[in-house]
Amino acid sequence: MKKIKFSQRVLLLLMFTISNIFFAQSSYKAFYEMKWRNKKDTVKNHELCTLIINEKGSSYFQSYENFRRDSAHTKTVNEYFANKAGGLRLRDDTSNAKFRSLIIKNVSQNSMVVEERFFTSIFSTHYNTTKQNWKLINKTDKILGHAVSMATTDFGGRKWIAWYTTEIPINDGPYKFYGLPGLILKISDAGNEYSFEIKGIIKEKNDLEQRNFTYDAPVNITPKQWDAFWKKYTKQPSVIFENLNTDQTTYVINGQDVNSKEVKDAYNRKELEFLKIFENPIELAPTY
């Protein structure tokens, strides 16, 4: 690899900084196709996802299905408060998304929050040390007409191979990946069991701030607390109904109390079947 003199490095850094400031002043929506293979599957599952990058430097990664729900929800709530007239009518927030997580990154602060919804509750897991350690590789290619370079990292018990472009100097990417000197356009694990590949990017401003308007305040937990909860949930999903009812409120599903055996059994069957979609998880090891 050709060596770069110190003065050249300073100039490149300055050019990247100026360019990054320019891009940070705009908002973008990138579309990624997420593909993954379960342990027993021969055909990969797939889901269209979005990466929303706003001018403040934070980003949101989630399924496109959930993005449409959350943006529509926010628009309705904002219009209601702006007009201050009539009743607030929100669409049904059910979703057919396979990838349910919402990943919120603040690259400049090296922080990340992962939101997970369960019935009436939202769990908000905060990560403070999430940046990947990248190794830059002297290999290039083209994706969507952009010149890309290769980088590798170990994350979540897998080795990942990424292709990023400095032509879009936003050091973000799909899922929890970020920290390269440009936008990650494609990334896959060495076993090719998971991959994220960009399908398009447009300059567009989106607002998701009121996505949780009808929910209780998020339950803020640590990554270790999340892992402990998730182990219980994958064995008995109806654990989320514990201590849900109060003296003033009783929650029902299809007209039945959530504490009833019928509701719990039905919920367990449905969720345990759904969880098979990710029986080969993205992360095989803790990332904290």
C-alpha atoms as a PDB file:
ATOM      1  CA  MET A   1       0.000   0.000   0.000  1.00  0.00           C
ATOM      2  CA  LYS A   2       1.327   3.440  -0.888  1.00  0.00           C
ATOM      3  CA  LYS A   3       2.441   5.439   2.137  1.00  0.00           C
ATOM      4  CA  ILE A   4       0.868   8.846   2.749  1.00  0.00           C
ATOM      5  CA  LYS A   5       3.035  11.656   4.063  1.00  0.00           C
ATOM      6  CA  PHE A   6       2.069  13.383   7.310  1.00  0.00           C
ATOM      7  CA  SER A   7       1.110  16.636   5.506  1.00  0.00           C
ATOM      8  CA  GLN A   8      -1.075  14.656   3.115  1.00  0.00           C
ATOM      9  CA  ARG A   9      -2.773  12.944   6.040  1.00  0.00           C
ATOM     10  CA  VAL A  10      -3.553  16.305   7.636  1.00  0.00           C
ATOM     11  CA  LEU A  11      -4.985  17.579   4.342  1.00  0.00           C
ATOM     12  CA  LEU A  12      -7.126  14.457   3.887  1.00  0.00           C
ATOM     13  CA  LEU A  13      -8.377  14.749   7.461  1.00  0.00           C
ATOM     14  CA  LEU A  14      -9.244  18.422   6.932  1.00  0.00           C
ATOM     15  CA  MET A  15     -11.063  17.646   3.668  1.00  0.00           C
ATOM     16  CA  PHE A  16     -12.980  14.831   5.330  1.00  0.00           C
ATOM     17  CA  THR A  17     -13.919  17.052   8.284  1.00  0.00           C
ATOM     18  CA  ILE A  18     -15.225  19.853   6.041  1.00  0.00           C
ATOM     19  CA  SER A  19     -17.125  17.375   3.864  1.00  0.00           C
ATOM     20  CA  ASN A  20     -18.555  15.627   6.930  1.00  0.00           C
ATOM     21  CA  ILE A  21     -19.833  18.950   8.296  1.00  0.00           C
ATOM     22  CA  PHE A  22     -21.555  19.598   4.954  1.00  0.00           C
ATOM     23  CA  PHE A  23     -23.277  16.212   4.965  1.00  0.00           C
ATOM     24  CA  ALA A  24     -24.175  16.501   8.661  1.00  0.00           C
ATOM     25  CA  GLN A  25     -26.209  19.601   7.865  1.00  0.00           C
ATOM     26  CA  SER A  26     -28.629  17.508   5.786  1.00  0.00           C
ATOM     27  CA  SER A  27     -30.968  14.603   6.473  1.00  0.00           C
ATOM     28  CA  TYR A  28     -30.963  11.335   4.555  1.00  0.00           C
ATOM     29  CA  LYS A  29     -32.912   8.118   4.269  1.00  0.00           C
ATOM     30  CA  ALA A  30     -31.004   5.043   3.131  1.00  0.00           C
ATOM     31  CA  PHE A  31     -32.627   1.738   2.194  1.00  0.00           C
ATOM     32  CA  TYR A  32     -30.875  -1.529   3.034  1.00  0.00           C
ATOM     33  CA  GLU A  33     -31.839  -5.087   2.215  1.00  0.00           C
ATOM     34  CA  MET A  34     -31.204  -7.282   5.214  1.00  0.00           C
ATOM     35  CA  LYS A  35     -30.738 -10.999   4.514  1.00  0.00           C
ATOM     36  CA  TRP A  36     -30.141 -13.793   6.982  1.00  0.00           C
ATOM     37  CA  ARG A  37     -30.132 -17.556   7.186  1.00  0.00           C
ATOM     38  CA  ASN A  38     -31.454 -19.628  10.065  1.00  0.00           C
ATOM     39  CA  LYS A  39     -29.615 -22.736  11.164  1.00  0.00           C
ATOM     40  CA  LYS A  40     -31.996 -25.104   9.380  1.00  0.00           C
ATOM     41  CA  ASP A  41     -32.843 -22.893   6.415  1.00  0.00           C
ATOM     42  CA  THR A  42     -31.433 -23.251   2.936  1.00  0.00           C
ATOM     43  CA  VAL A  43     -33.077 -20.040   1.691  1.00  0.00           C
ATOM     44  CA  LYS A  44     -32.334 -16.676   3.272  1.00  0.00           C
ATOM     45  CA  ASN A  45     -34.956 -14.520   4.924  1.00  0.00           C
ATOM     46  CA  HIS A  46     -35.029 -10.891   3.845  1.00  0.00           C
ATOM     47  CA  GLU A  47     -36.365  -7.561   5.089  1.00  0.00           C
ATOM     48  CA  LEU A  48     -36.177  -4.029   3.724  1.00  0.00           C
ATOM     49  CA  CYS A  49     -34.775  -1.675   6.369  1.00  0.00           C
ATOM     50  CA  THR A  50     -34.139   2.045   6.631  1.00  0.00           C
ATOM     51  CA  LEU A  51     -31.354   4.138   8.092  1.00  0.00           C
ATOM     52  CA  ILE A  52     -32.614   7.629   8.911  1.00  0.00           C
ATOM     53  CA  ILE A  53     -29.756  10.112   9.341  1.00  0.00           C
ATOM     54  CA  ASN A  54     -30.746  13.544  10.635  1.00  0.00           C
ATOM     55  CA  GLU A  55     -28.913  16.844  10.603  1.00  0.00           C
ATOM     56  CA  LYS A  56     -28.209  16.613  14.338  1.00  0.00           C
ATOM     57  CA  GLY A  57     -25.914  13.630  13.841  1.00  0.00           C
ATOM     58  CA  SER A  58     -28.152  10.904  15.249  1.00  0.00           C
ATOM     59  CA  SER A  59     -29.598   8.039  13.218  1.00  0.00           C
ATOM     60  CA  TYR A  60     -32.392   5.467  13.386  1.00  0.00           C
ATOM     61  CA  PHE A  61     -32.196   1.957  11.943  1.00  0.00           C
ATOM     62  CA  GLN A  62     -35.288  -0.238  11.737  1.00  0.00           C
ATOM     63  CA  SER A  63     -37.422  -2.236   9.342  1.00  0.00           C
ATOM     64  CA  TYR A  64     -39.114  -0.191   6.633  1.00  0.00           C
ATOM     65  CA  GLU A  65     -42.462  -1.545   7.823  1.00  0.00           C
ATOM     66  CA  ASN A  66     -41.895  -0.111  11.298  1.00  0.00           C
ATOM     67  CA  PHE A  67     -40.477   3.125   9.895  1.00  0.00           C
ATOM     68  CA  ARG A  68     -43.707   3.730   7.990  1.00  0.00           C
ATOM     69  CA  ARG A  69     -45.713   3.085  11.150  1.00  0.00           C
ATOM     70  CA  ASP A  70     -43.567   5.335  13.354  1.00  0.00           C
ATOM     71  CA  SER A  71     -43.358   8.231  10.884  1.00  0.00           C
ATOM     72  CA  ALA A  72     -47.132   8.149  10.243  1.00  0.00           C
ATOM     73  CA  HIS A  73     -47.754   7.987  13.987  1.00  0.00           C
ATOM     74  CA  THR A  74     -45.517  11.030  14.555  1.00  0.00           C
ATOM     75  CA  LYS A  75     -47.144  13.002  11.741  1.00  0.00           C
ATOM     76  CA  THR A  76     -50.628  12.389  13.146  1.00  0.00           C
ATOM     77  CA  VAL A  77     -49.635  13.426  16.671  1.00  0.00           C
ATOM     78  CA  ASN A  78     -47.833  16.561  15.453  1.00  0.00           C
ATOM     79  CA  GLU A  79     -50.796  17.620  13.329  1.00  0.00           C
ATOM     80  CA  TYR A  80     -53.155  17.079  16.256  1.00  0.00           C
ATOM     81  CA  PHE A  81     -51.161  19.370  18.566  1.00  0.00           C
ATOM     82  CA  ALA A  82     -50.644  21.940  15.812  1.00  0.00           C
ATOM     83  CA  ASN A  83     -54.356  22.204  15.017  1.00  0.00           C
ATOM     84  CA  LYS A  84     -55.647  21.628  18.556  1.00  0.00           C
ATOM     85  CA  ALA A  85     -58.996  20.587  17.178  1.00  0.00           C
ATOM     86  CA  GLY A  86     -60.865  17.308  16.905  1.00  0.00           C
ATOM     87  CA  GLY A  87     -59.952  13.979  18.397  1.00  0.00           C
ATOM     88  CA  LEU A  88     -56.645  12.191  18.098  1.00  0.00           C
ATOM     89  CA  ARG A  89     -57.121   9.127  15.925  1.00  0.00           C
ATOM     90  CA  LEU A  90     -54.120   6.866  15.465  1.00  0.00           C
ATOM     91  CA  ARG A  91     -53.798   3.935  13.117  1.00  0.00           C
ATOM     92  CA  ASP A  92     -53.456   0.403  14.368  1.00  0.00           C
ATOM     93  CA  ASP A  93     -49.772   0.057  15.269  1.00  0.00           C
ATOM     94  CA  THR A  94     -49.513  -3.663  14.547  1.00  0.00           C
ATOM     95  CA  SER A  95     -46.678  -4.555  12.199  1.00  0.00           C
ATOM     96  CA  ASN A  96     -45.618  -7.555  10.131  1.00  0.00           C
ATOM     97  CA  ALA A  97     -41.935  -6.681  10.441  1.00  0.00           C
ATOM     98  CA  LYS A  98     -39.562  -9.540  11.118  1.00  0.00           C
ATOM     99  CA  PHE A  99     -36.797  -7.272  12.432  1.00  0.00           C
ATOM    100  CA  ARG A 100     -38.464  -5.515  15.360  1.00  0.00           C
ATOM    101  CA  SER A 101     -35.640  -3.522  16.955  1.00  0.00           C
ATOM    102  CA  LEU A 102     -35.134   0.230  16.625  1.00  0.00           C
ATOM    103  CA  ILE A 103     -31.444   1.149  16.863  1.00  0.00           C
ATOM    104  CA  ILE A 104     -30.706   4.787  17.681  1.00  0.00           C
ATOM    105  CA  LYS A 105     -27.091   5.899  17.306  1.00  0.00           C
ATOM    106  CA  ASN A 106     -25.308   9.103  18.190  1.00  0.00           C
ATOM    107  CA  VAL A 107     -21.985   8.671  16.444  1.00  0.00           C
ATOM    108  CA  SER A 108     -20.374  11.812  17.841  1.00  0.00           C
ATOM    109  CA  GLN A 109     -21.051  10.673  21.411  1.00  0.00           C
ATOM    110  CA  ASN A 110     -20.254   7.006  20.739  1.00  0.00           C
ATOM    111  CA  SER A 111     -23.585   5.974  22.234  1.00  0.00           C
ATOM    112  CA  MET A 112     -26.437   3.754  21.179  1.00  0.00           C
ATOM    113  CA  VAL A 113     -29.952   2.972  22.368  1.00  0.00           C
ATOM    114  CA  VAL A 114     -31.923  -0.094  21.281  1.00  0.00           C
ATOM    115  CA  GLU A 115     -35.705   0.040  21.671  1.00  0.00           C
ATOM    116  CA  GLU A 116     -37.839  -3.087  21.835  1.00  0.00           C
ATOM    117  CA  ARG A 117     -41.654  -3.061  22.050  1.00  0.00           C
ATOM    118  CA  PHE A 118     -43.669  -5.666  23.918  1.00  0.00           C
ATOM    119  CA  PHE A 119     -47.441  -5.220  24.108  1.00  0.00           C
ATOM    120  CA  THR A 120     -47.773  -1.956  26.105  1.00  0.00           C
ATOM    121  CA  SER A 121     -44.132  -1.724  27.207  1.00  0.00           C
ATOM    122  CA  ILE A 122     -40.950  -0.387  25.629  1.00  0.00           C
ATOM    123  CA  PHE A 123     -37.526  -1.494  26.799  1.00  0.00           C
ATOM    124  CA  SER A 124     -34.742   0.997  26.106  1.00  0.00           C
ATOM    125  CA  THR A 125     -31.249  -0.475  26.404  1.00  0.00           C
ATOM    126  CA  HIS A 126     -28.367   2.007  26.591  1.00  0.00           C
ATOM    127  CA  TYR A 127     -24.883   1.153  25.290  1.00  0.00           C
ATOM    128  CA  ASN A 128     -21.886   3.416  25.923  1.00  0.00           C
ATOM    129  CA  THR A 129     -18.997   1.460  24.405  1.00  0.00           C
ATOM    130  CA  THR A 130     -20.250   0.223  21.064  1.00  0.00           C
ATOM    131  CA  LYS A 131     -17.765   1.459  18.458  1.00  0.00           C
ATOM    132  CA  GLN A 132     -16.207  -1.327  16.423  1.00  0.00           C
ATOM    133  CA  ASN A 133     -12.452  -1.685  15.977  1.00  0.00           C
ATOM    134  CA  TRP A 134     -11.996  -1.612  12.208  1.00  0.00           C
ATOM    135  CA  LYS A 135      -9.101  -2.862  10.128  1.00  0.00           C
ATOM    136  CA  LEU A 136      -8.865  -1.046   6.787  1.00  0.00           C
ATOM    137  CA  ILE A 137      -8.051  -3.328   3.842  1.00  0.00           C
ATOM    138  CA  ASN A 138      -6.427  -2.189   0.584  1.00  0.00           C
ATOM    139  CA  LYS A 139      -9.228  -3.504  -1.640  1.00  0.00           C
ATOM    140  CA  THR A 140     -11.712  -1.460  -3.661  1.00  0.00           C
ATOM    141  CA  ASP A 141     -14.905  -2.010  -5.628  1.00  0.00           C
ATOM    142  CA  LYS A 142     -18.053  -0.154  -6.694  1.00  0.00           C
ATOM    143  CA  ILE A 143     -21.565  -0.262  -5.219  1.00  0.00           C
ATOM    144  CA  LEU A 144     -24.416   1.801  -6.659  1.00  0.00           C
ATOM    145  CA  GLY A 145     -21.835   3.726  -8.667  1.00  0.00           C
ATOM    146  CA  HIS A 146     -19.852   4.696  -5.555  1.00  0.00           C
ATOM    147  CA  ALA A 147     -16.211   3.751  -5.080  1.00  0.00           C
ATOM    148  CA  VAL A 148     -15.962   1.599  -1.953  1.00  0.00           C
ATOM    149  CA  SER A 149     -13.132   0.271   0.194  1.00  0.00           C
ATOM    150  CA  MET A 150     -13.007  -2.812   2.383  1.00  0.00           C
ATOM    151  CA  ALA A 151     -12.744  -3.009   6.169  1.00  0.00           C
ATOM    152  CA  THR A 152     -13.120  -5.848   8.657  1.00  0.00           C
ATOM    153  CA  THR A 153     -14.072  -6.092  12.301  1.00  0.00           C
ATOM    154  CA  ASP A 154     -15.042  -8.615  14.973  1.00  0.00           C
ATOM    155  CA  PHE A 155     -18.441  -7.869  16.490  1.00  0.00           C
ATOM    156  CA  GLY A 156     -20.969  -9.954  18.388  1.00  0.00           C
ATOM    157  CA  GLY A 157     -19.021 -13.178  18.003  1.00  0.00           C
ATOM    158  CA  ARG A 158     -18.751 -12.879  14.217  1.00  0.00           C
ATOM    159  CA  LYS A 159     -16.154 -11.535  11.793  1.00  0.00           C
ATOM    160  CA  TRP A 160     -17.647  -8.890   9.509  1.00  0.00           C
ATOM    161  CA  ILE A 161     -16.546  -7.603   6.103  1.00  0.00           C
ATOM    162  CA  ALA A 162     -17.707  -4.092   5.229  1.00  0.00           C
ATOM    163  CA  TRP A 163     -17.578  -1.915   2.128  1.00  0.00           C
ATOM    164  CA  TYR A 164     -17.752   1.823   2.755  1.00  0.00           C
ATOM    165  CA  THR A 165     -17.545   4.939   0.591  1.00  0.00           C
ATOM    166  CA  THR A 166     -15.824   8.201   1.440  1.00  0.00           C
ATOM    167  CA  GLU A 167     -17.955   9.788  -1.294  1.00  0.00           C
ATOM    168  CA  ILE A 168     -20.691   9.878   1.354  1.00  0.00           C
ATOM    169  CA  PRO A 169     -18.593  10.919   4.387  1.00  0.00           C
ATOM    170  CA  ILE A 170     -21.073   9.935   7.077  1.00  0.00           C
ATOM    171  CA  ASN A 171     -19.412   7.448   9.399  1.00  0.00           C
ATOM    172  CA  ASP A 172     -22.568   5.430   9.995  1.00  0.00           C
ATOM    173  CA  GLY A 173     -24.104   2.254   8.623  1.00  0.00           C
ATOM    174  CA  PRO A 174     -26.820  -0.363   8.990  1.00  0.00           C
ATOM    175  CA  TYR A 175     -27.676  -2.149  12.236  1.00  0.00           C
ATOM    176  CA  LYS A 176     -25.157  -1.260  14.992  1.00  0.00           C
ATOM    177  CA  PHE A 177     -22.234  -0.669  12.632  1.00  0.00           C
ATOM    178  CA  TYR A 178     -20.451   2.680  12.375  1.00  0.00           C
ATOM    179  CA  GLY A 179     -17.066   4.340  12.798  1.00  0.00           C
ATOM    180  CA  LEU A 180     -15.593   4.087   9.294  1.00  0.00           C
ATOM    181  CA  PRO A 181     -14.543   7.190   7.287  1.00  0.00           C
ATOM    182  CA  GLY A 182     -17.672   6.991   5.152  1.00  0.00           C
ATOM    183  CA  LEU A 183     -21.100   5.413   4.900  1.00  0.00           C
ATOM    184  CA  ILE A 184     -21.170   1.601   4.997  1.00  0.00           C
ATOM    185  CA  LEU A 185     -22.927   0.441   1.829  1.00  0.00           C
ATOM    186  CA  LYS A 186     -22.573  -3.299   2.377  1.00  0.00           C
ATOM    187  CA  ILE A 187     -21.581  -5.523   5.259  1.00  0.00           C
ATOM    188  CA  SER A 188     -21.784  -9.277   5.774  1.00  0.00           C
ATOM    189  CA  ASP A 189     -20.354 -11.805   8.202  1.00  0.00           C
ATOM    190  CA  ALA A 190     -17.593 -14.160   7.110  1.00  0.00           C
ATOM    191  CA  GLY A 191     -19.996 -17.110   7.029  1.00  0.00           C
ATOM    192  CA  ASN A 192     -22.432 -15.159   4.831  1.00  0.00           C
ATOM    193  CA  GLU A 193     -25.257 -15.860   7.251  1.00  0.00           C
ATOM    194  CA  TYR A 194     -26.147 -12.166   7.633  1.00  0.00           C
ATOM    195  CA  SER A 195     -25.794  -9.284   5.210  1.00  0.00           C
ATOM    196  CA  PHE A 196     -26.944  -5.683   4.826  1.00  0.00           C
ATOM    197  CA  GLU A 197     -26.688  -4.049   1.395  1.00  0.00           C
ATOM    198  CA  ILE A 198     -27.773  -0.554   0.403  1.00  0.00           C
ATOM    199  CA  LYS A 199     -30.430  -0.276  -2.292  1.00  0.00           C
ATOM    200  CA  GLY A 200     -30.773   3.494  -2.440  1.00  0.00           C
ATOM    201  CA  ILE A 201     -30.296   6.746  -0.570  1.00  0.00           C
ATOM    202  CA  ILE A 202     -32.274   9.973  -0.822  1.00  0.00           C
ATOM    203  CA  LYS A 203     -32.034  13.395   0.761  1.00  0.00           C
ATOM    204  CA  GLU A 204     -35.106  13.538   2.962  1.00  0.00           C
ATOM    205  CA  LYS A 205     -36.028  14.740   6.441  1.00  0.00           C
ATOM    206  CA  ASN A 206     -38.046  12.410   8.657  1.00  0.00           C
ATOM    207  CA  ASP A 207     -39.485  12.815  12.140  1.00  0.00           C
ATOM    208  CA  LEU A 208     -39.969   9.829  14.459  1.00  0.00           C
ATOM    209  CA  GLU A 209     -40.017  11.680  17.778  1.00  0.00           C
ATOM    210  CA  GLN A 210     -43.665  10.880  18.610  1.00  0.00           C
ATOM    211  CA  ARG A 211     -43.421   7.183  17.734  1.00  0.00           C
ATOM    212  CA  ASN A 212     -44.090   6.126  21.353  1.00  0.00           C
ATOM    213  CA  PHE A 213     -46.839   8.635  22.131  1.00  0.00           C
ATOM    214  CA  THR A 214     -49.435   6.046  23.206  1.00  0.00           C
ATOM    215  CA  TYR A 215     -47.000   3.906  25.199  1.00  0.00           C
ATOM    216  CA  ASP A 216     -45.873   4.145  28.797  1.00  0.00           C
ATOM    217  CA  ALA A 217     -42.497   5.786  29.387  1.00  0.00           C
ATOM    218  CA  PRO A 218     -39.691   3.486  28.194  1.00  0.00           C
ATOM    219  CA  VAL A 219     -38.110   1.223  30.779  1.00  0.00           C
ATOM    220  CA  ASN A 220     -34.422   2.151  30.768  1.00  0.00           C
ATOM    221  CA  ILE A 221     -32.187  -0.861  31.376  1.00  0.00           C
ATOM    222  CA  THR A 222     -28.544  -1.862  31.047  1.00  0.00           C
ATOM    223  CA  PRO A 223     -27.285  -4.354  28.433  1.00  0.00           C
ATOM    224  CA  LYS A 224     -26.871  -7.000  31.165  1.00  0.00           C
ATOM    225  CA  GLN A 225     -30.439  -6.448  32.344  1.00  0.00           C
ATOM    226  CA  TRP A 226     -31.655  -6.764  28.761  1.00  0.00           C
ATOM    227  CA  ASP A 227     -29.787 -10.048  28.296  1.00  0.00           C
ATOM    228  CA  ALA A 228     -31.310 -11.420  31.508  1.00  0.00           C
ATOM    229  CA  PHE A 229     -34.800 -10.413  30.400  1.00  0.00           C
ATOM    230  CA  TRP A 230     -34.306 -11.777  26.872  1.00  0.00           C
ATOM    231  CA  LYS A 231     -33.264 -15.202  28.189  1.00  0.00           C
ATOM    232  CA  LYS A 232     -36.525 -15.356  30.150  1.00  0.00           C
ATOM    233  CA  TYR A 233     -38.570 -14.075  27.216  1.00  0.00           C
ATOM    234  CA  THR A 234     -37.239 -16.644  24.743  1.00  0.00           C
ATOM    235  CA  LYS A 235     -38.305 -19.417  27.136  1.00  0.00           C
ATOM    236  CA  GLN A 236     -41.669 -17.928  28.157  1.00  0.00           C
ATOM    237  CA  PRO A 237     -42.744 -14.803  26.227  1.00  0.00           C
ATOM    238  CA  SER A 238     -45.783 -14.276  28.447  1.00  0.00           C
ATOM    239  CA  VAL A 239     -43.372 -13.053  31.126  1.00  0.00           C
ATOM    240  CA  ILE A 240     -44.185  -9.555  29.847  1.00  0.00           C
ATOM    241  CA  PHE A 241     -47.688  -9.849  31.326  1.00  0.00           C
ATOM    242  CA  GLU A 242     -46.354 -10.201  34.869  1.00  0.00           C
ATOM    243  CA  ASN A 243     -47.383  -7.320  37.150  1.00  0.00           C
ATOM    244  CA  LEU A 244     -49.047  -5.584  34.220  1.00  0.00           C
ATOM    245  CA  ASN A 245     -52.508  -5.230  35.746  1.00  0.00           C
ATOM    246  CA  THR A 246     -53.158  -2.771  38.571  1.00  0.00           C
ATOM    247  CA  ASP A 247     -56.059  -1.993  40.891  1.00  0.00           C
ATOM    248  CA  GLN A 248     -57.167   0.650  38.380  1.00  0.00           C
ATOM    249  CA  THR A 249     -56.354  -1.060  35.059  1.00  0.00           C
ATOM    250  CA  THR A 250     -56.890  -4.508  33.623  1.00  0.00           C
ATOM    251  CA  TYR A 251     -55.373  -5.353  30.243  1.00  0.00           C
ATOM    252  CA  VAL A 252     -57.201  -7.684  27.912  1.00  0.00           C
ATOM    253  CA  ILE A 253     -56.488  -9.452  24.624  1.00  0.00           C
ATOM    254  CA  ASN A 254     -59.479 -10.577  22.577  1.00  0.00           C
ATOM    255  CA  GLY A 255     -61.697  -9.844  25.541  1.00  0.00           C
ATOM    256  CA  GLN A 256     -59.704 -11.958  27.998  1.00  0.00           C
ATOM    257  CA  ASP A 257     -57.523 -10.880  30.916  1.00  0.00           C
ATOM    258  CA  VAL A 258     -53.813 -11.078  30.075  1.00  0.00           C
ATOM    259  CA  ASN A 259     -53.314 -13.065  33.266  1.00  0.00           C
ATOM    260  CA  SER A 260     -55.572 -15.859  32.018  1.00  0.00           C
ATOM    261  CA  LYS A 261     -53.973 -19.150  31.043  1.00  0.00           C
ATOM    262  CA  GLU A 262     -55.647 -19.021  27.630  1.00  0.00           C
ATOM    263  CA  VAL A 263     -54.095 -15.654  26.757  1.00  0.00           C
ATOM    264  CA  LYS A 264     -50.647 -16.612  28.029  1.00  0.00           C
ATOM    265  CA  ASP A 265     -50.633 -19.953  26.211  1.00  0.00           C
ATOM    266  CA  ALA A 266     -51.761 -18.377  22.953  1.00  0.00           C
ATOM    267  CA  TYR A 267     -49.164 -15.602  23.226  1.00  0.00           C
ATOM    268  CA  ASN A 268     -46.401 -18.091  24.030  1.00  0.00           C
ATOM    269  CA  ARG A 269     -47.238 -20.239  20.999  1.00  0.00           C
ATOM    270  CA  LYS A 270     -47.333 -17.261  18.651  1.00  0.00           C
ATOM    271  CA  GLU A 271     -44.108 -15.664  19.913  1.00  0.00           C
ATOM    272  CA  LEU A 272     -42.091 -18.876  20.160  1.00  0.00           C
ATOM    273  CA  GLU A 273     -42.966 -19.587  16.534  1.00  0.00           C
ATOM    274  CA  PHE A 274     -41.953 -16.055  15.540  1.00  0.00           C
ATOM    275  CA  LEU A 275     -38.635 -16.286  17.401  1.00  0.00           C
ATOM    276  CA  LYS A 276     -37.603 -19.171  15.159  1.00  0.00           C
ATOM    277  CA  ILE A 277     -37.031 -16.552  12.440  1.00  0.00           C
ATOM    278  CA  PHE A 278     -33.924 -15.475  14.363  1.00  0.00           C
ATOM    279  CA  GLU A 279     -32.928 -18.750  16.000  1.00  0.00           C
ATOM    280  CA  ASN A 280     -29.541 -18.036  14.427  1.00  0.00           C
ATOM    281  CA  PRO A 281     -29.058 -14.607  16.066  1.00  0.00           C
ATOM    282  CA  ILE A 282     -27.101 -11.715  14.602  1.00  0.00           C
ATOM    283  CA  GLU A 283     -24.995 -11.478  17.745  1.00  0.00           C
ATOM    284  CA  LEU A 284     -23.548 -14.697  19.122  1.00  0.00           C
ATOM    285  CA  ALA A 285     -21.725 -12.983  21.991  1.00  0.00           C
ATOM    286  CA  PRO A 286     -22.275  -9.883  24.171  1.00  0.00           C
ATOM    287  CA  THR A 287     -21.073  -6.576  22.719  1.00  0.00           C
ATOM    288  CA  TYR A 288     -20.530  -4.684  25.974  1.00  0.00           C
END
